[in-house]
């Protein structure tokens, strides 16, 4: 089933198009139940159609991959391959990867020796480069703070997108039937 073929047509700027902004309450209880999903790690260079083909046996279920993960923008919300990621960063920051690997984005608290093991809250602290510079200038301690490069920060965000969830194949027929009902 081609997902977008079920969306109603509308007139926009004197053209007939599919209303892709229409959202439905597809089998709400299925999507609210975390047991309906399987965790999946997207391999480098894998597109949603490849994931759908591997998991559901049909690349046309790429829309289920997007839908299950609430992905609206497939370019910026899907993990980029290493080559695409590097090209994206060079364009975004208008500089080289080498420069991004050597430019500090921010500082993160990683702790100091002798620190209490139960002091976990500090592990999520961040400090801007400007604040770090002020502390250094005024002789304040910055012990326990580690620089995070722009490249490492962006890479972490991209890698987080690799962990997705996939709707159990047993629900595909139910979803397709409900879509046909909703959009007819």
C-alpha atoms as a PDB file:
ATOM      1  CA  UNK A   1       0.000   0.000   0.000  1.00  0.00           C
ATOM      2  CA  UNK A   2       1.412   3.380  -0.933  1.00  0.00           C
ATOM      3  CA  UNK A   3       0.844   5.406   2.207  1.00  0.00           C
ATOM      4  CA  UNK A   4       0.366   8.820   0.613  1.00  0.00           C
ATOM      5  CA  UNK A   5      -2.105   7.528  -1.976  1.00  0.00           C
ATOM      6  CA  UNK A   6      -4.660   7.343   0.828  1.00  0.00           C
ATOM      7  CA  UNK A   7      -4.408  11.019   1.713  1.00  0.00           C
ATOM      8  CA  UNK A   8      -7.239  13.170   0.342  1.00  0.00           C
ATOM      9  CA  UNK A   9      -6.542  15.540  -2.533  1.00  0.00           C
ATOM     10  CA  UNK A  10      -6.833  19.289  -2.080  1.00  0.00           C
ATOM     11  CA  UNK A  11      -6.331  22.316  -4.295  1.00  0.00           C
ATOM     12  CA  UNK A  12      -3.315  24.452  -3.448  1.00  0.00           C
ATOM     13  CA  UNK A  13      -1.943  27.247  -5.648  1.00  0.00           C
ATOM     14  CA  UNK A  14      -4.158  26.086  -8.535  1.00  0.00           C
ATOM     15  CA  UNK A  15      -2.740  22.557  -8.306  1.00  0.00           C
ATOM     16  CA  UNK A  16      -4.314  19.353  -7.045  1.00  0.00           C
ATOM     17  CA  UNK A  17      -2.083  17.782  -4.417  1.00  0.00           C
ATOM     18  CA  UNK A  18      -2.257  15.264  -1.565  1.00  0.00           C
ATOM     19  CA  UNK A  19      -2.899  16.777   1.865  1.00  0.00           C
ATOM     20  CA  UNK A  20       0.128  15.260   3.635  1.00  0.00           C
ATOM     21  CA  UNK A  21      -0.454  17.445   6.686  1.00  0.00           C
ATOM     22  CA  UNK A  22      -3.527  15.446   7.619  1.00  0.00           C
ATOM     23  CA  UNK A  23      -2.869  13.417  10.716  1.00  0.00           C
ATOM     24  CA  UNK A  24      -4.926  10.481  11.841  1.00  0.00           C
ATOM     25  CA  UNK A  25      -5.440   8.716  15.122  1.00  0.00           C
ATOM     26  CA  UNK A  26      -4.257   5.409  13.698  1.00  0.00           C
ATOM     27  CA  UNK A  27      -4.876   2.594  16.101  1.00  0.00           C
ATOM     28  CA  UNK A  28      -4.064   4.795  19.070  1.00  0.00           C
ATOM     29  CA  UNK A  29      -3.884   1.898  21.508  1.00  0.00           C
ATOM     30  CA  UNK A  30      -1.262   0.173  19.342  1.00  0.00           C
ATOM     31  CA  UNK A  31       1.013   3.197  19.196  1.00  0.00           C
ATOM     32  CA  UNK A  32       0.590   3.927  22.896  1.00  0.00           C
ATOM     33  CA  UNK A  33       1.574   0.373  23.818  1.00  0.00           C
ATOM     34  CA  UNK A  34       5.373   0.127  23.880  1.00  0.00           C
ATOM     35  CA  UNK A  35       5.073  -3.664  23.628  1.00  0.00           C
ATOM     36  CA  UNK A  36       3.894  -3.135  20.027  1.00  0.00           C
ATOM     37  CA  UNK A  37       7.407  -2.079  19.025  1.00  0.00           C
ATOM     38  CA  UNK A  38      10.818  -3.642  18.621  1.00  0.00           C
ATOM     39  CA  UNK A  39      14.060  -1.710  19.124  1.00  0.00           C
ATOM     40  CA  UNK A  40      16.215  -1.393  16.022  1.00  0.00           C
ATOM     41  CA  UNK A  41      19.640   0.139  15.356  1.00  0.00           C
ATOM     42  CA  UNK A  42      19.937   1.704  11.889  1.00  0.00           C
ATOM     43  CA  UNK A  43      23.109   0.598  10.133  1.00  0.00           C
ATOM     44  CA  UNK A  44      25.335   3.187   8.467  1.00  0.00           C
ATOM     45  CA  UNK A  45      23.924   4.130   5.092  1.00  0.00           C
ATOM     46  CA  UNK A  46      20.602   2.329   5.636  1.00  0.00           C
ATOM     47  CA  UNK A  47      17.563   4.169   4.339  1.00  0.00           C
ATOM     48  CA  UNK A  48      14.028   3.632   5.696  1.00  0.00           C
ATOM     49  CA  UNK A  49      13.083   1.567   2.628  1.00  0.00           C
ATOM     50  CA  UNK A  50      15.989  -0.810   3.347  1.00  0.00           C
ATOM     51  CA  UNK A  51      14.951  -1.078   6.996  1.00  0.00           C
ATOM     52  CA  UNK A  52      11.355  -1.780   5.920  1.00  0.00           C
ATOM     53  CA  UNK A  53      12.486  -4.427   3.448  1.00  0.00           C
ATOM     54  CA  UNK A  54      14.663  -6.120   6.064  1.00  0.00           C
ATOM     55  CA  UNK A  55      12.106  -5.966   8.889  1.00  0.00           C
ATOM     56  CA  UNK A  56       8.748  -6.203   7.075  1.00  0.00           C
ATOM     57  CA  UNK A  57       9.872  -7.935   3.871  1.00  0.00           C
ATOM     58  CA  UNK A  58       8.638  -5.024   1.728  1.00  0.00           C
ATOM     59  CA  UNK A  59      10.339  -1.687   1.105  1.00  0.00           C
ATOM     60  CA  UNK A  60       6.954  -0.008   0.586  1.00  0.00           C
ATOM     61  CA  UNK A  61       6.492  -0.055   4.365  1.00  0.00           C
ATOM     62  CA  UNK A  62       9.059   2.722   4.750  1.00  0.00           C
ATOM     63  CA  UNK A  63       6.179   4.959   5.817  1.00  0.00           C
ATOM     64  CA  UNK A  64       5.613   2.658   8.831  1.00  0.00           C
ATOM     65  CA  UNK A  65       9.259   3.208   9.822  1.00  0.00           C
ATOM     66  CA  UNK A  66       8.733   6.993   9.657  1.00  0.00           C
ATOM     67  CA  UNK A  67       5.341   6.850  11.345  1.00  0.00           C
ATOM     68  CA  UNK A  68       6.523   4.617  14.192  1.00  0.00           C
ATOM     69  CA  UNK A  69       9.267   7.096  15.041  1.00  0.00           C
ATOM     70  CA  UNK A  70       7.263  10.294  14.473  1.00  0.00           C
ATOM     71  CA  UNK A  71       9.680  11.328  11.736  1.00  0.00           C
ATOM     72  CA  UNK A  72       8.372  14.260   9.736  1.00  0.00           C
ATOM     73  CA  UNK A  73      11.611  15.408   8.096  1.00  0.00           C
ATOM     74  CA  UNK A  74      13.390  12.344   6.715  1.00  0.00           C
ATOM     75  CA  UNK A  75      16.579  14.262   5.944  1.00  0.00           C
ATOM     76  CA  UNK A  76      17.215  15.833   9.341  1.00  0.00           C
ATOM     77  CA  UNK A  77      15.482  13.281  11.574  1.00  0.00           C
ATOM     78  CA  UNK A  78      17.010  10.159  10.013  1.00  0.00           C
ATOM     79  CA  UNK A  79      20.643   9.214  10.769  1.00  0.00           C
ATOM     80  CA  UNK A  80      23.018  10.341   8.052  1.00  0.00           C
ATOM     81  CA  UNK A  81      25.685   8.036   6.649  1.00  0.00           C
ATOM     82  CA  UNK A  82      29.262   8.945   7.569  1.00  0.00           C
ATOM     83  CA  UNK A  83      29.901  10.575   4.184  1.00  0.00           C
ATOM     84  CA  UNK A  84      26.583  12.475   4.148  1.00  0.00           C
ATOM     85  CA  UNK A  85      27.120  13.507   7.763  1.00  0.00           C
ATOM     86  CA  UNK A  86      30.564  14.949   7.044  1.00  0.00           C
ATOM     87  CA  UNK A  87      29.290  16.793   3.955  1.00  0.00           C
ATOM     88  CA  UNK A  88      26.331  18.138   5.931  1.00  0.00           C
ATOM     89  CA  UNK A  89      28.603  19.464   8.694  1.00  0.00           C
ATOM     90  CA  UNK A  90      31.015  21.107   6.262  1.00  0.00           C
ATOM     91  CA  UNK A  91      28.099  22.926   4.630  1.00  0.00           C
ATOM     92  CA  UNK A  92      26.350  23.778   7.913  1.00  0.00           C
ATOM     93  CA  UNK A  93      29.435  25.292   9.538  1.00  0.00           C
ATOM     94  CA  UNK A  94      31.191  26.351   6.317  1.00  0.00           C
ATOM     95  CA  UNK A  95      34.472  24.806   7.430  1.00  0.00           C
ATOM     96  CA  UNK A  96      36.422  21.547   7.394  1.00  0.00           C
ATOM     97  CA  UNK A  97      35.835  18.435   9.479  1.00  0.00           C
ATOM     98  CA  UNK A  98      39.313  18.888  10.935  1.00  0.00           C
ATOM     99  CA  UNK A  99      38.359  22.358  12.148  1.00  0.00           C
ATOM    100  CA  UNK A 100      35.116  21.062  13.688  1.00  0.00           C
ATOM    101  CA  UNK A 101      37.037  18.333  15.504  1.00  0.00           C
ATOM    102  CA  UNK A 102      39.250  21.036  17.000  1.00  0.00           C
ATOM    103  CA  UNK A 103      36.558  23.603  17.866  1.00  0.00           C
ATOM    104  CA  UNK A 104      34.896  23.362  21.264  1.00  0.00           C
ATOM    105  CA  UNK A 105      31.101  23.339  21.276  1.00  0.00           C
ATOM    106  CA  UNK A 106      30.697  23.308  25.063  1.00  0.00           C
ATOM    107  CA  UNK A 107      32.041  21.629  28.194  1.00  0.00           C
ATOM    108  CA  UNK A 108      30.465  18.704  30.043  1.00  0.00           C
ATOM    109  CA  UNK A 109      30.993  17.763  33.634  1.00  0.00           C
ATOM    110  CA  UNK A 110      32.742  14.398  33.744  1.00  0.00           C
ATOM    111  CA  UNK A 111      33.732  14.483  37.395  1.00  0.00           C
ATOM    112  CA  UNK A 112      36.875  14.584  39.440  1.00  0.00           C
ATOM    113  CA  UNK A 113      38.693  11.954  41.450  1.00  0.00           C
ATOM    114  CA  UNK A 114      37.423  11.543  44.978  1.00  0.00           C
ATOM    115  CA  UNK A 115      33.912  12.553  43.968  1.00  0.00           C
ATOM    116  CA  UNK A 116      30.980  10.746  45.556  1.00  0.00           C
ATOM    117  CA  UNK A 117      29.721   7.899  43.377  1.00  0.00           C
ATOM    118  CA  UNK A 118      26.088   8.823  44.026  1.00  0.00           C
ATOM    119  CA  UNK A 119      26.568  12.359  42.664  1.00  0.00           C
ATOM    120  CA  UNK A 120      25.065  11.444  39.293  1.00  0.00           C
ATOM    121  CA  UNK A 121      23.192  14.702  38.639  1.00  0.00           C
ATOM    122  CA  UNK A 122      26.369  16.568  37.774  1.00  0.00           C
ATOM    123  CA  UNK A 123      27.071  14.184  34.901  1.00  0.00           C
ATOM    124  CA  UNK A 124      24.420  15.981  32.838  1.00  0.00           C
ATOM    125  CA  UNK A 125      25.746  19.484  33.482  1.00  0.00           C
ATOM    126  CA  UNK A 126      26.943  21.572  30.554  1.00  0.00           C
ATOM    127  CA  UNK A 127      28.932  24.783  30.465  1.00  0.00           C
ATOM    128  CA  UNK A 128      29.207  27.185  27.535  1.00  0.00           C
ATOM    129  CA  UNK A 129      32.605  28.093  26.120  1.00  0.00           C
ATOM    130  CA  UNK A 130      32.034  31.706  27.231  1.00  0.00           C
ATOM    131  CA  UNK A 131      31.397  30.683  30.863  1.00  0.00           C
ATOM    132  CA  UNK A 132      34.413  28.370  30.802  1.00  0.00           C
ATOM    133  CA  UNK A 133      36.581  31.211  29.478  1.00  0.00           C
ATOM    134  CA  UNK A 134      35.357  33.567  32.245  1.00  0.00           C
ATOM    135  CA  UNK A 135      36.062  30.995  34.942  1.00  0.00           C
ATOM    136  CA  UNK A 136      39.553  30.441  33.562  1.00  0.00           C
ATOM    137  CA  UNK A 137      40.188  34.192  33.317  1.00  0.00           C
ATOM    138  CA  UNK A 138      39.147  34.795  36.944  1.00  0.00           C
ATOM    139  CA  UNK A 139      41.090  31.798  38.249  1.00  0.00           C
ATOM    140  CA  UNK A 140      38.048  29.723  39.157  1.00  0.00           C
ATOM    141  CA  UNK A 141      38.411  25.958  39.033  1.00  0.00           C
ATOM    142  CA  UNK A 142      37.241  24.133  35.935  1.00  0.00           C
ATOM    143  CA  UNK A 143      38.353  20.749  37.243  1.00  0.00           C
ATOM    144  CA  UNK A 144      36.100  17.941  36.094  1.00  0.00           C
ATOM    145  CA  UNK A 145      34.925  19.775  32.963  1.00  0.00           C
ATOM    146  CA  UNK A 146      35.775  18.230  29.601  1.00  0.00           C
ATOM    147  CA  UNK A 147      35.671  19.987  26.231  1.00  0.00           C
ATOM    148  CA  UNK A 148      33.280  18.548  23.645  1.00  0.00           C
ATOM    149  CA  UNK A 149      34.108  19.381  20.046  1.00  0.00           C
ATOM    150  CA  UNK A 150      31.486  20.572  17.593  1.00  0.00           C
ATOM    151  CA  UNK A 151      32.093  17.404  15.582  1.00  0.00           C
ATOM    152  CA  UNK A 152      31.642  15.103  18.597  1.00  0.00           C
ATOM    153  CA  UNK A 153      28.476  16.926  19.667  1.00  0.00           C
ATOM    154  CA  UNK A 154      26.904  16.686  16.196  1.00  0.00           C
ATOM    155  CA  UNK A 155      28.057  13.065  15.853  1.00  0.00           C
ATOM    156  CA  UNK A 156      26.388  12.186  19.155  1.00  0.00           C
ATOM    157  CA  UNK A 157      23.102  13.674  17.908  1.00  0.00           C
ATOM    158  CA  UNK A 158      23.356  11.739  14.641  1.00  0.00           C
ATOM    159  CA  UNK A 159      24.170   8.484  16.452  1.00  0.00           C
ATOM    160  CA  UNK A 160      21.175   8.936  18.795  1.00  0.00           C
ATOM    161  CA  UNK A 161      18.943   8.871  15.700  1.00  0.00           C
ATOM    162  CA  UNK A 162      20.173   5.333  14.934  1.00  0.00           C
ATOM    163  CA  UNK A 163      18.111   3.904  17.819  1.00  0.00           C
ATOM    164  CA  UNK A 164      14.597   3.606  16.480  1.00  0.00           C
ATOM    165  CA  UNK A 165      11.572   1.454  17.147  1.00  0.00           C
ATOM    166  CA  UNK A 166       9.671  -0.602  14.619  1.00  0.00           C
ATOM    167  CA  UNK A 167       6.021  -1.525  14.825  1.00  0.00           C
ATOM    168  CA  UNK A 168       5.496  -5.270  15.143  1.00  0.00           C
ATOM    169  CA  UNK A 169       4.646  -6.784  11.735  1.00  0.00           C
ATOM    170  CA  UNK A 170       1.495  -8.350  13.234  1.00  0.00           C
ATOM    171  CA  UNK A 171      -0.130  -4.886  13.262  1.00  0.00           C
ATOM    172  CA  UNK A 172       0.480  -4.003   9.578  1.00  0.00           C
ATOM    173  CA  UNK A 173      -2.853  -5.364   8.276  1.00  0.00           C
ATOM    174  CA  UNK A 174      -4.771  -3.607  11.032  1.00  0.00           C
ATOM    175  CA  UNK A 175      -3.016  -0.308  10.253  1.00  0.00           C
ATOM    176  CA  UNK A 176      -3.656  -0.631   6.505  1.00  0.00           C
ATOM    177  CA  UNK A 177      -7.355  -1.387   7.043  1.00  0.00           C
ATOM    178  CA  UNK A 178      -7.792   1.534   9.387  1.00  0.00           C
ATOM    179  CA  UNK A 179      -5.973   3.851   6.969  1.00  0.00           C
ATOM    180  CA  UNK A 180      -8.275   2.782   4.148  1.00  0.00           C
ATOM    181  CA  UNK A 181     -11.308   3.456   6.369  1.00  0.00           C
ATOM    182  CA  UNK A 182     -10.056   6.835   7.597  1.00  0.00           C
ATOM    183  CA  UNK A 183      -9.094   8.145   4.168  1.00  0.00           C
ATOM    184  CA  UNK A 184     -12.047   6.825   2.181  1.00  0.00           C
END
